[in-house]
Amino acid sequence: MSMIGHNNNSHDSRTNFVSKLRGFTIVELLIVVVVIGILAAIVTVAYTGITTQAKTASTISELKAWQKLFEIYKAQFGNYPDPVVSGDGPSNQYYCLGTGFPNGSCQSTNLTGTYGVAESTGATIMTELAKVGTPPSNSSKWTVNYNTGPYLRFIPGATPFYQLQTIIQSTTGCPSGTSAGWYGDATYDHRQHCLITLS
């Protein structure tokens, strides 16, 4: 009699042990997978936002470094450097600032002529600016839908026009200290041209 009771207790212990080891049900596994997916999405969005903000800050900071170099040049020589030499620059008078642009061109990296500006067009102005300091490294170039900066828009004349421009990806416009220029497709690339006009 006592042995039978002992066997029942042993059987109950094994049943409880097996029951504890049965694992998750399919519904429980699905819930875990969904929760992990939601958390991953939240982390991805947060990381992307932080990365974009950091890249925007770096790109605009570099544009302001170019501005400072131009202003130092003007303080020393009385005027901004003239980038125009014979045959230099496209007809719309844009000039790349720096080196290492994708496909060797700034503004548009996949179109030649009016929109694609050869990196070599900035050689004259780079030589002039080097007289007063070290040009920025251009490590913060940002290519958005084949557009990249920084570059100079220069219009010669009695009152020369100087405007420094770069490209960022933004849904909120250009940061403080810059003005918003042309804006890309809001539903596609959010390409924003940010600029500083030199006075």
N, C-alpha and C. Protein backbone atom coordinates (compact mmCIF):
# COMPACT_ATOMS: atom_id res chain seq x y z
N MET A 1 0.83 -1.20 0.00
CA MET A 1 0.00 0.00 0.00
C MET A 1 0.86 1.24 0.00
N SER A 2 1.85 1.26 0.89
CA SER A 2 2.71 2.42 0.98
C SER A 2 3.56 2.58 -0.28
N MET A 3 3.91 1.48 -0.93
CA MET A 3 4.69 1.57 -2.16
C MET A 3 3.89 2.17 -3.29
N ILE A 4 2.59 1.84 -3.32
CA ILE A 4 1.74 2.41 -4.38
C ILE A 4 1.68 3.92 -4.23
N GLY A 5 1.51 4.36 -2.99
CA GLY A 5 1.46 5.81 -2.74
C GLY A 5 2.75 6.47 -3.15
N HIS A 6 3.85 5.79 -2.89
CA HIS A 6 5.15 6.35 -3.26
C HIS A 6 5.26 6.49 -4.78
N ASN A 7 4.77 5.46 -5.47
CA ASN A 7 4.81 5.51 -6.94
C ASN A 7 3.96 6.65 -7.48
N ASN A 8 2.81 6.88 -6.89
CA ASN A 8 1.94 7.99 -7.34
C ASN A 8 2.62 9.33 -7.16
N ASN A 9 3.28 9.50 -6.00
CA ASN A 9 3.99 10.76 -5.75
C ASN A 9 5.10 10.96 -6.77
N SER A 10 5.79 9.88 -7.08
CA SER A 10 6.87 9.95 -8.06
C SER A 10 6.33 10.31 -9.43
N HIS A 11 5.19 9.71 -9.79
CA HIS A 11 4.54 9.99 -11.07
C HIS A 11 4.10 11.44 -11.15
N ASP A 12 3.52 11.95 -10.05
CA ASP A 12 3.09 13.36 -10.01
C ASP A 12 4.28 14.30 -10.16
N SER A 13 5.39 13.98 -9.54
CA SER A 13 6.59 14.82 -9.64
C SER A 13 7.09 14.88 -11.07
N ARG A 14 7.10 13.71 -11.73
CA ARG A 14 7.55 13.68 -13.13
C ARG A 14 6.62 14.48 -14.02
N THR A 15 5.31 14.35 -13.76
CA THR A 15 4.32 15.10 -14.56
C THR A 15 4.53 16.60 -14.41
N ASN A 16 4.75 17.03 -13.19
CA ASN A 16 4.99 18.47 -12.94
C ASN A 16 6.26 18.93 -13.62
N PHE A 17 7.29 18.08 -13.57
CA PHE A 17 8.57 18.43 -14.18
C PHE A 17 8.44 18.57 -15.70
N VAL A 18 7.76 17.56 -16.29
CA VAL A 18 7.55 17.59 -17.74
C VAL A 18 6.71 18.80 -18.13
N SER A 19 5.72 19.10 -17.33
CA SER A 19 4.84 20.23 -17.61
C SER A 19 5.60 21.56 -17.57
N LYS A 20 6.60 21.62 -16.69
CA LYS A 20 7.40 22.85 -16.61
C LYS A 20 8.33 22.98 -17.81
N LEU A 21 8.69 21.86 -18.40
CA LEU A 21 9.60 21.88 -19.53
C LEU A 21 8.91 21.97 -20.89
N ARG A 22 7.62 22.10 -20.90
CA ARG A 22 6.88 22.02 -22.17
C ARG A 22 7.21 23.18 -23.12
N GLY A 23 7.77 24.30 -22.64
CA GLY A 23 8.14 25.42 -23.51
C GLY A 23 6.99 26.37 -23.77
N PHE A 24 7.20 27.25 -24.78
CA PHE A 24 6.20 28.26 -25.13
C PHE A 24 5.19 27.70 -26.11
N THR A 25 3.99 28.23 -26.04
CA THR A 25 2.99 27.90 -27.07
C THR A 25 3.26 28.78 -28.28
N ILE A 26 2.63 28.46 -29.40
CA ILE A 26 2.80 29.26 -30.62
C ILE A 26 2.33 30.69 -30.39
N VAL A 27 1.24 30.85 -29.67
CA VAL A 27 0.71 32.19 -29.40
C VAL A 27 1.71 33.00 -28.59
N GLU A 28 2.30 32.37 -27.59
CA GLU A 28 3.29 33.07 -26.77
C GLU A 28 4.51 33.47 -27.60
N LEU A 29 4.95 32.56 -28.46
CA LEU A 29 6.09 32.88 -29.33
C LEU A 29 5.77 34.03 -30.27
N LEU A 30 4.57 34.03 -30.83
CA LEU A 30 4.16 35.12 -31.73
C LEU A 30 4.15 36.45 -31.00
N ILE A 31 3.66 36.45 -29.76
CA ILE A 31 3.62 37.68 -28.96
C ILE A 31 5.04 38.20 -28.74
N VAL A 32 5.96 37.29 -28.40
CA VAL A 32 7.36 37.69 -28.18
C VAL A 32 7.97 38.27 -29.45
N VAL A 33 7.72 37.62 -30.59
CA VAL A 33 8.25 38.09 -31.86
C VAL A 33 7.71 39.48 -32.20
N VAL A 34 6.41 39.70 -32.00
CA VAL A 34 5.80 41.00 -32.28
C VAL A 34 6.39 42.08 -31.38
N VAL A 35 6.55 41.78 -30.10
CA VAL A 35 7.12 42.76 -29.17
C VAL A 35 8.55 43.11 -29.57
N ILE A 36 9.34 42.10 -29.91
CA ILE A 36 10.72 42.35 -30.34
C ILE A 36 10.73 43.20 -31.61
N GLY A 37 9.82 42.92 -32.54
CA GLY A 37 9.73 43.70 -33.78
C GLY A 37 9.41 45.16 -33.51
N ILE A 38 8.47 45.40 -32.60
CA ILE A 38 8.09 46.77 -32.26
C ILE A 38 9.26 47.51 -31.62
N LEU A 39 9.94 46.84 -30.69
CA LEU A 39 11.10 47.46 -30.04
C LEU A 39 12.21 47.77 -31.05
N ALA A 40 12.43 46.84 -31.98
CA ALA A 40 13.46 47.06 -33.01
C ALA A 40 13.12 48.25 -33.89
N ALA A 41 11.83 48.39 -34.24
CA ALA A 41 11.40 49.52 -35.06
C ALA A 41 11.60 50.84 -34.33
N ILE A 42 11.28 50.86 -33.05
CA ILE A 42 11.44 52.08 -32.25
C ILE A 42 12.92 52.48 -32.17
N VAL A 43 13.77 51.49 -31.92
CA VAL A 43 15.21 51.76 -31.82
C VAL A 43 15.76 52.25 -33.16
N THR A 44 15.32 51.63 -34.26
CA THR A 44 15.79 52.03 -35.60
C THR A 44 15.41 53.46 -35.91
N VAL A 45 14.16 53.83 -35.64
CA VAL A 45 13.70 55.20 -35.91
C VAL A 45 14.48 56.20 -35.07
N ALA A 46 14.67 55.87 -33.79
CA ALA A 46 15.40 56.77 -32.90
C ALA A 46 16.85 56.93 -33.36
N TYR A 47 17.48 55.83 -33.75
CA TYR A 47 18.87 55.87 -34.19
C TYR A 47 19.01 56.67 -35.49
N THR A 48 18.07 56.46 -36.42
CA THR A 48 18.10 57.20 -37.68
C THR A 48 17.97 58.69 -37.44
N GLY A 49 17.06 59.06 -36.54
CA GLY A 49 16.86 60.47 -36.22
C GLY A 49 18.10 61.10 -35.62
N ILE A 50 18.74 60.39 -34.71
CA ILE A 50 19.96 60.90 -34.07
C ILE A 50 21.09 61.01 -35.09
N THR A 51 21.21 60.01 -35.96
CA THR A 51 22.26 60.03 -36.99
C THR A 51 22.05 61.19 -37.94
N THR A 52 20.80 61.43 -38.37
CA THR A 52 20.50 62.53 -39.28
C THR A 52 20.81 63.87 -38.64
N GLN A 53 20.44 64.04 -37.38
CA GLN A 53 20.72 65.29 -36.67
C GLN A 53 22.22 65.54 -36.57
N ALA A 54 22.96 64.49 -36.28
CA ALA A 54 24.42 64.63 -36.16
C ALA A 54 25.04 64.99 -37.50
N LYS A 55 24.56 64.36 -38.56
CA LYS A 55 25.10 64.63 -39.89
C LYS A 55 24.75 66.05 -40.34
N THR A 56 23.54 66.49 -40.03
CA THR A 56 23.13 67.85 -40.36
C THR A 56 24.03 68.85 -39.64
N ALA A 57 24.24 68.64 -38.35
CA ALA A 57 25.08 69.55 -37.56
C ALA A 57 26.49 69.61 -38.12
N SER A 58 27.04 68.46 -38.50
CA SER A 58 28.40 68.41 -39.03
C SER A 58 28.49 69.11 -40.38
N THR A 59 27.50 68.88 -41.26
CA THR A 59 27.51 69.47 -42.59
C THR A 59 27.38 70.99 -42.53
N ILE A 60 26.46 71.48 -41.69
CA ILE A 60 26.26 72.92 -41.56
C ILE A 60 27.46 73.57 -40.88
N SER A 61 28.04 72.89 -39.91
CA SER A 61 29.24 73.41 -39.24
C SER A 61 30.37 73.61 -40.24
N GLU A 62 30.49 72.66 -41.17
CA GLU A 62 31.53 72.78 -42.18
C GLU A 62 31.25 73.93 -43.15
N LEU A 63 29.97 74.14 -43.49
CA LEU A 63 29.62 75.27 -44.35
C LEU A 63 29.99 76.59 -43.66
N LYS A 64 29.76 76.66 -42.36
CA LYS A 64 30.10 77.88 -41.61
C LYS A 64 31.62 78.05 -41.50
N ALA A 65 32.35 76.94 -41.53
CA ALA A 65 33.81 77.03 -41.54
C ALA A 65 34.29 77.65 -42.86
N TRP A 66 33.62 77.29 -43.95
CA TRP A 66 33.93 77.93 -45.24
C TRP A 66 33.62 79.42 -45.17
N GLN A 67 32.48 79.76 -44.58
CA GLN A 67 32.10 81.17 -44.43
C GLN A 67 33.18 81.94 -43.67
N LYS A 68 33.66 81.36 -42.59
CA LYS A 68 34.69 82.02 -41.78
C LYS A 68 35.96 82.26 -42.59
N LEU A 69 36.34 81.27 -43.41
CA LEU A 69 37.54 81.40 -44.23
C LEU A 69 37.38 82.53 -45.26
N PHE A 70 36.20 82.60 -45.88
CA PHE A 70 35.93 83.69 -46.82
C PHE A 70 36.02 85.05 -46.12
N GLU A 71 35.48 85.12 -44.92
CA GLU A 71 35.47 86.40 -44.19
C GLU A 71 36.88 86.80 -43.75
N ILE A 72 37.70 85.83 -43.38
CA ILE A 72 39.09 86.13 -43.04
C ILE A 72 39.82 86.67 -44.28
N TYR A 73 39.55 86.06 -45.42
CA TYR A 73 40.17 86.50 -46.67
C TYR A 73 39.78 87.95 -46.96
N LYS A 74 38.50 88.26 -46.81
CA LYS A 74 38.04 89.63 -47.08
C LYS A 74 38.66 90.62 -46.11
N ALA A 75 38.77 90.23 -44.84
CA ALA A 75 39.38 91.11 -43.84
C ALA A 75 40.84 91.40 -44.18
N GLN A 76 41.52 90.43 -44.77
CA GLN A 76 42.94 90.60 -45.07
C GLN A 76 43.17 91.31 -46.40
N PHE A 77 42.35 91.01 -47.40
CA PHE A 77 42.59 91.54 -48.75
C PHE A 77 41.58 92.60 -49.20
N GLY A 78 40.54 92.83 -48.41
CA GLY A 78 39.58 93.88 -48.75
C GLY A 78 38.41 93.42 -49.60
N ASN A 79 38.45 92.21 -50.09
CA ASN A 79 37.35 91.67 -50.89
C ASN A 79 37.42 90.14 -50.87
N TYR A 80 36.32 89.51 -51.27
CA TYR A 80 36.32 88.05 -51.35
C TYR A 80 37.12 87.60 -52.57
N PRO A 81 37.64 86.40 -52.55
CA PRO A 81 38.44 85.93 -53.70
C PRO A 81 37.56 85.74 -54.94
N ASP A 82 38.13 86.09 -56.07
CA ASP A 82 37.43 85.93 -57.35
C ASP A 82 37.81 84.58 -57.94
N PRO A 83 36.84 83.67 -58.09
CA PRO A 83 37.18 82.33 -58.59
C PRO A 83 37.31 82.25 -60.10
N VAL A 84 36.95 83.30 -60.81
CA VAL A 84 36.85 83.22 -62.26
C VAL A 84 38.21 83.41 -62.93
N VAL A 85 38.57 82.43 -63.76
CA VAL A 85 39.72 82.57 -64.64
C VAL A 85 39.24 82.16 -66.02
N SER A 86 40.05 82.36 -67.01
CA SER A 86 39.63 82.07 -68.38
C SER A 86 39.20 80.60 -68.52
N GLY A 87 37.97 80.41 -68.95
CA GLY A 87 37.45 79.07 -69.18
C GLY A 87 37.08 78.32 -67.91
N ASP A 88 37.12 78.98 -66.78
CA ASP A 88 36.87 78.30 -65.51
C ASP A 88 35.41 78.43 -65.11
N GLY A 89 34.81 77.32 -64.74
CA GLY A 89 33.44 77.36 -64.22
C GLY A 89 32.39 77.24 -65.31
N PRO A 90 31.26 76.63 -65.00
CA PRO A 90 30.17 76.51 -65.95
C PRO A 90 29.44 77.84 -66.11
N SER A 91 28.52 77.89 -67.04
CA SER A 91 27.84 79.15 -67.34
C SER A 91 27.02 79.69 -66.18
N ASN A 92 26.57 78.81 -65.30
CA ASN A 92 25.75 79.30 -64.18
C ASN A 92 26.60 79.75 -63.00
N GLN A 93 27.91 79.70 -63.14
CA GLN A 93 28.86 80.24 -62.18
C GLN A 93 28.76 79.61 -60.79
N TYR A 94 28.79 78.30 -60.75
CA TYR A 94 28.90 77.56 -59.50
C TYR A 94 30.30 76.94 -59.45
N TYR A 95 30.86 76.88 -58.25
CA TYR A 95 32.22 76.37 -58.07
C TYR A 95 32.27 75.44 -56.87
N CYS A 96 32.87 74.28 -57.03
CA CYS A 96 32.98 73.34 -55.92
C CYS A 96 33.92 73.89 -54.85
N LEU A 97 33.59 73.64 -53.60
CA LEU A 97 34.46 74.00 -52.48
C LEU A 97 35.01 72.72 -51.88
N GLY A 98 36.30 72.50 -52.08
CA GLY A 98 36.91 71.30 -51.54
C GLY A 98 37.19 70.26 -52.61
N THR A 99 37.50 69.07 -52.14
CA THR A 99 37.85 67.97 -53.05
C THR A 99 37.17 66.68 -52.58
N GLY A 100 37.31 65.65 -53.38
CA GLY A 100 36.78 64.34 -53.01
C GLY A 100 35.29 64.18 -53.24
N PHE A 101 34.74 64.89 -54.21
CA PHE A 101 33.31 64.79 -54.50
C PHE A 101 33.01 63.51 -55.30
N PRO A 102 31.83 62.92 -55.08
CA PRO A 102 31.45 61.73 -55.86
C PRO A 102 31.45 62.03 -57.35
N ASN A 103 32.04 61.16 -58.12
CA ASN A 103 32.13 61.31 -59.58
C ASN A 103 32.84 62.60 -59.98
N GLY A 104 33.61 63.19 -59.06
CA GLY A 104 34.39 64.38 -59.38
C GLY A 104 33.59 65.63 -59.63
N SER A 105 32.35 65.69 -59.08
CA SER A 105 31.55 66.90 -59.30
C SER A 105 30.68 67.21 -58.08
N CYS A 106 30.38 68.48 -57.91
CA CYS A 106 29.50 68.92 -56.83
C CYS A 106 28.17 69.40 -57.41
N GLN A 107 27.28 69.81 -56.56
CA GLN A 107 25.91 70.19 -56.88
C GLN A 107 25.14 68.99 -57.38
N SER A 108 25.34 68.59 -58.63
CA SER A 108 24.76 67.33 -59.10
C SER A 108 25.90 66.41 -59.49
N THR A 109 25.89 65.19 -58.94
CA THR A 109 27.00 64.27 -59.20
C THR A 109 26.74 63.34 -60.38
N ASN A 110 25.56 63.46 -61.00
CA ASN A 110 25.29 62.56 -62.13
C ASN A 110 24.87 63.30 -63.39
N LEU A 111 24.91 64.64 -63.36
CA LEU A 111 24.56 65.43 -64.54
C LEU A 111 25.68 66.40 -64.83
N THR A 112 26.01 66.57 -66.11
CA THR A 112 27.05 67.52 -66.48
C THR A 112 26.43 68.82 -66.96
N GLY A 113 27.26 69.84 -67.11
CA GLY A 113 26.76 71.11 -67.63
C GLY A 113 26.22 71.99 -66.53
N THR A 114 24.97 72.43 -66.70
CA THR A 114 24.39 73.41 -65.80
C THR A 114 24.32 72.92 -64.37
N TYR A 115 23.96 71.65 -64.17
CA TYR A 115 23.72 71.15 -62.82
C TYR A 115 24.91 70.42 -62.22
N GLY A 116 25.69 69.77 -63.04
CA GLY A 116 26.87 69.08 -62.53
C GLY A 116 28.09 69.96 -62.67
N VAL A 117 28.75 70.27 -61.57
CA VAL A 117 29.88 71.19 -61.58
C VAL A 117 31.16 70.41 -61.29
N ALA A 118 32.11 70.48 -62.19
CA ALA A 118 33.36 69.73 -62.03
C ALA A 118 34.13 70.23 -60.81
N GLU A 119 34.66 69.28 -60.06
CA GLU A 119 35.44 69.62 -58.87
C GLU A 119 36.57 70.59 -59.19
N SER A 120 37.15 70.47 -60.37
CA SER A 120 38.28 71.30 -60.77
C SER A 120 37.93 72.78 -60.86
N THR A 121 36.64 73.11 -60.98
CA THR A 121 36.27 74.52 -61.09
C THR A 121 36.63 75.32 -59.85
N GLY A 122 36.78 74.64 -58.72
CA GLY A 122 37.09 75.35 -57.49
C GLY A 122 38.58 75.53 -57.23
N ALA A 123 39.43 75.12 -58.18
CA ALA A 123 40.88 75.15 -57.95
C ALA A 123 41.38 76.56 -57.64
N THR A 124 40.92 77.55 -58.41
CA THR A 124 41.40 78.92 -58.22
C THR A 124 41.03 79.45 -56.84
N ILE A 125 39.78 79.26 -56.47
CA ILE A 125 39.34 79.79 -55.18
C ILE A 125 39.98 79.05 -54.02
N MET A 126 40.25 77.76 -54.19
CA MET A 126 40.92 76.99 -53.14
C MET A 126 42.35 77.52 -52.93
N THR A 127 43.02 77.87 -54.02
CA THR A 127 44.37 78.42 -53.93
C THR A 127 44.36 79.75 -53.19
N GLU A 128 43.36 80.58 -53.49
CA GLU A 128 43.26 81.88 -52.83
C GLU A 128 42.96 81.74 -51.34
N LEU A 129 42.01 80.88 -51.00
CA LEU A 129 41.63 80.72 -49.59
C LEU A 129 42.76 80.12 -48.77
N ALA A 130 43.60 79.31 -49.41
CA ALA A 130 44.73 78.69 -48.70
C ALA A 130 45.74 79.74 -48.23
N LYS A 131 45.66 80.95 -48.76
CA LYS A 131 46.57 82.03 -48.35
C LYS A 131 46.27 82.51 -46.93
N VAL A 132 45.04 82.27 -46.46
CA VAL A 132 44.65 82.79 -45.15
C VAL A 132 44.31 81.69 -44.14
N GLY A 133 44.31 80.45 -44.57
CA GLY A 133 43.99 79.36 -43.65
C GLY A 133 43.85 78.04 -44.37
N THR A 134 43.55 77.02 -43.59
CA THR A 134 43.38 75.69 -44.16
C THR A 134 41.91 75.43 -44.46
N PRO A 135 41.58 75.18 -45.73
CA PRO A 135 40.18 74.91 -46.06
C PRO A 135 39.66 73.68 -45.32
N PRO A 136 38.36 73.63 -45.01
CA PRO A 136 37.77 72.46 -44.35
C PRO A 136 38.04 71.18 -45.14
N SER A 137 38.01 70.07 -44.46
CA SER A 137 38.38 68.80 -45.07
C SER A 137 37.31 68.22 -45.98
N ASN A 138 36.09 68.76 -45.89
CA ASN A 138 34.96 68.23 -46.66
C ASN A 138 34.59 66.81 -46.25
N SER A 139 34.88 66.45 -45.01
CA SER A 139 34.53 65.12 -44.54
C SER A 139 33.02 64.99 -44.33
N SER A 140 32.32 66.13 -44.34
CA SER A 140 30.88 66.11 -44.07
C SER A 140 30.03 66.26 -45.32
N LYS A 141 30.59 65.96 -46.48
CA LYS A 141 29.77 66.02 -47.70
C LYS A 141 28.60 65.06 -47.56
N TRP A 142 27.44 65.50 -47.99
CA TRP A 142 26.23 64.69 -47.86
C TRP A 142 25.56 64.62 -49.23
N THR A 143 25.55 63.45 -49.83
CA THR A 143 24.93 63.29 -51.14
C THR A 143 23.50 62.80 -50.97
N VAL A 144 22.54 63.61 -51.42
CA VAL A 144 21.12 63.26 -51.33
C VAL A 144 20.56 63.25 -52.74
N ASN A 145 20.17 62.07 -53.20
CA ASN A 145 19.64 61.92 -54.56
C ASN A 145 20.56 62.58 -55.60
N TYR A 146 21.83 62.23 -55.55
CA TYR A 146 22.85 62.69 -56.50
C TYR A 146 23.19 64.17 -56.37
N ASN A 147 22.76 64.85 -55.33
CA ASN A 147 23.14 66.24 -55.10
C ASN A 147 24.06 66.30 -53.90
N THR A 148 25.12 67.10 -54.01
CA THR A 148 26.06 67.22 -52.89
C THR A 148 26.72 68.59 -52.89
N GLY A 149 27.18 68.99 -51.75
CA GLY A 149 27.88 70.26 -51.58
C GLY A 149 29.11 70.01 -50.73
N PRO A 150 29.81 71.04 -50.33
CA PRO A 150 29.46 72.46 -50.50
C PRO A 150 29.97 73.02 -51.83
N TYR A 151 29.37 74.14 -52.21
CA TYR A 151 29.80 74.82 -53.43
C TYR A 151 29.50 76.32 -53.29
N LEU A 152 30.14 77.08 -54.15
CA LEU A 152 29.98 78.53 -54.16
C LEU A 152 29.18 78.94 -55.38
N ARG A 153 28.20 79.80 -55.16
CA ARG A 153 27.52 80.45 -56.28
C ARG A 153 28.08 81.86 -56.35
N PHE A 154 28.71 82.16 -57.47
CA PHE A 154 29.38 83.45 -57.64
C PHE A 154 28.88 84.12 -58.91
N ILE A 155 28.43 85.37 -58.76
CA ILE A 155 28.01 86.16 -59.92
C ILE A 155 28.85 87.43 -59.92
N PRO A 156 29.74 87.57 -60.92
CA PRO A 156 30.60 88.76 -60.96
C PRO A 156 29.81 90.01 -61.38
N GLY A 157 30.42 91.13 -61.23
CA GLY A 157 29.79 92.40 -61.61
C GLY A 157 30.26 93.51 -60.70
N ALA A 158 29.58 94.67 -60.81
CA ALA A 158 29.95 95.82 -59.98
C ALA A 158 29.84 95.47 -58.50
N THR A 159 28.79 94.70 -58.16
CA THR A 159 28.63 94.21 -56.79
C THR A 159 28.58 92.69 -56.86
N PRO A 160 29.73 92.05 -56.73
CA PRO A 160 29.76 90.58 -56.87
C PRO A 160 28.86 89.89 -55.84
N PHE A 161 28.25 88.79 -56.27
CA PHE A 161 27.34 88.05 -55.40
C PHE A 161 28.00 86.74 -55.00
N TYR A 162 28.11 86.52 -53.70
CA TYR A 162 28.71 85.30 -53.17
C TYR A 162 27.71 84.58 -52.29
N GLN A 163 27.52 83.30 -52.57
CA GLN A 163 26.60 82.50 -51.75
C GLN A 163 27.19 81.09 -51.59
N LEU A 164 27.32 80.68 -50.33
CA LEU A 164 27.82 79.34 -50.03
C LEU A 164 26.62 78.41 -49.86
N GLN A 165 26.67 77.26 -50.50
CA GLN A 165 25.53 76.34 -50.43
C GLN A 165 26.00 74.91 -50.13
N THR A 166 25.12 74.15 -49.49
CA THR A 166 25.38 72.73 -49.26
C THR A 166 24.06 71.98 -49.29
N ILE A 167 24.11 70.67 -49.19
CA ILE A 167 22.92 69.82 -49.27
C ILE A 167 22.77 69.04 -47.97
N ILE A 168 21.55 69.01 -47.44
CA ILE A 168 21.24 68.14 -46.31
C ILE A 168 19.94 67.41 -46.62
N GLN A 169 19.61 66.45 -45.80
CA GLN A 169 18.32 65.76 -45.91
C GLN A 169 17.49 66.19 -44.70
N SER A 170 16.37 66.87 -44.98
CA SER A 170 15.62 67.45 -43.87
C SER A 170 14.15 67.59 -44.21
N THR A 171 13.32 67.36 -43.21
CA THR A 171 11.87 67.60 -43.36
C THR A 171 11.48 68.86 -42.61
N THR A 172 12.43 69.51 -41.97
CA THR A 172 12.12 70.69 -41.15
C THR A 172 12.84 71.95 -41.62
N GLY A 173 13.45 71.91 -42.80
CA GLY A 173 14.13 73.09 -43.32
C GLY A 173 15.58 73.15 -42.89
N CYS A 174 16.20 74.31 -43.12
CA CYS A 174 17.62 74.49 -42.82
C CYS A 174 17.82 74.97 -41.38
N PRO A 175 18.94 74.58 -40.78
CA PRO A 175 19.22 74.97 -39.40
C PRO A 175 19.48 76.47 -39.25
N SER A 176 19.52 76.92 -38.02
CA SER A 176 19.78 78.32 -37.69
C SER A 176 21.12 78.76 -38.28
N GLY A 177 21.16 79.97 -38.77
CA GLY A 177 22.39 80.51 -39.35
C GLY A 177 22.48 80.30 -40.85
N THR A 178 21.52 79.56 -41.41
CA THR A 178 21.48 79.36 -42.86
C THR A 178 20.07 79.63 -43.37
N SER A 179 19.97 79.86 -44.66
CA SER A 179 18.66 80.08 -45.29
C SER A 179 18.33 78.88 -46.15
N ALA A 180 17.04 78.66 -46.34
CA ALA A 180 16.60 77.54 -47.17
C ALA A 180 16.57 77.96 -48.63
N GLY A 181 17.22 77.16 -49.45
CA GLY A 181 17.18 77.38 -50.88
C GLY A 181 16.19 76.41 -51.51
N TRP A 182 16.57 75.81 -52.61
CA TRP A 182 15.68 74.90 -53.31
C TRP A 182 15.44 73.65 -52.48
N TYR A 183 14.20 73.16 -52.50
CA TYR A 183 13.82 71.98 -51.72
C TYR A 183 13.42 70.86 -52.65
N GLY A 184 13.89 69.65 -52.35
CA GLY A 184 13.59 68.49 -53.19
C GLY A 184 12.20 67.94 -52.95
N ASP A 185 11.95 66.79 -53.48
CA ASP A 185 10.65 66.13 -53.39
C ASP A 185 10.37 65.71 -51.95
N ALA A 186 9.38 66.32 -51.32
CA ALA A 186 9.09 66.06 -49.91
C ALA A 186 8.66 64.62 -49.67
N THR A 187 8.10 63.98 -50.66
CA THR A 187 7.64 62.60 -50.48
C THR A 187 8.71 61.58 -50.88
N TYR A 188 9.85 62.09 -51.34
CA TYR A 188 10.85 61.17 -51.85
C TYR A 188 12.19 61.28 -51.12
N ASP A 189 12.88 62.42 -51.27
CA ASP A 189 14.24 62.48 -50.72
C ASP A 189 14.44 63.60 -49.70
N HIS A 190 13.51 64.54 -49.59
CA HIS A 190 13.65 65.66 -48.63
C HIS A 190 15.00 66.35 -48.81
N ARG A 191 15.37 66.57 -50.05
CA ARG A 191 16.66 67.21 -50.34
C ARG A 191 16.54 68.72 -50.13
N GLN A 192 17.34 69.24 -49.22
CA GLN A 192 17.27 70.67 -48.90
C GLN A 192 18.63 71.33 -49.18
N HIS A 193 18.58 72.39 -50.00
CA HIS A 193 19.78 73.19 -50.24
C HIS A 193 19.81 74.31 -49.21
N CYS A 194 20.81 74.30 -48.34
CA CYS A 194 20.95 75.34 -47.33
C CYS A 194 22.05 76.29 -47.75
N LEU A 195 21.89 77.58 -47.51
CA LEU A 195 22.84 78.54 -48.03
C LEU A 195 23.14 79.65 -47.03
N ILE A 196 24.31 80.27 -47.25
CA ILE A 196 24.75 81.44 -46.50
C ILE A 196 25.17 82.48 -47.54
N THR A 197 24.54 83.63 -47.53
CA THR A 197 24.91 84.72 -48.44
C THR A 197 25.95 85.61 -47.77
N LEU A 198 27.08 85.79 -48.44
CA LEU A 198 28.15 86.62 -47.89
C LEU A 198 27.88 88.09 -48.22
N SER A 199 28.03 88.95 -47.23
CA SER A 199 27.76 90.39 -47.47
C SER A 199 29.06 91.15 -47.66
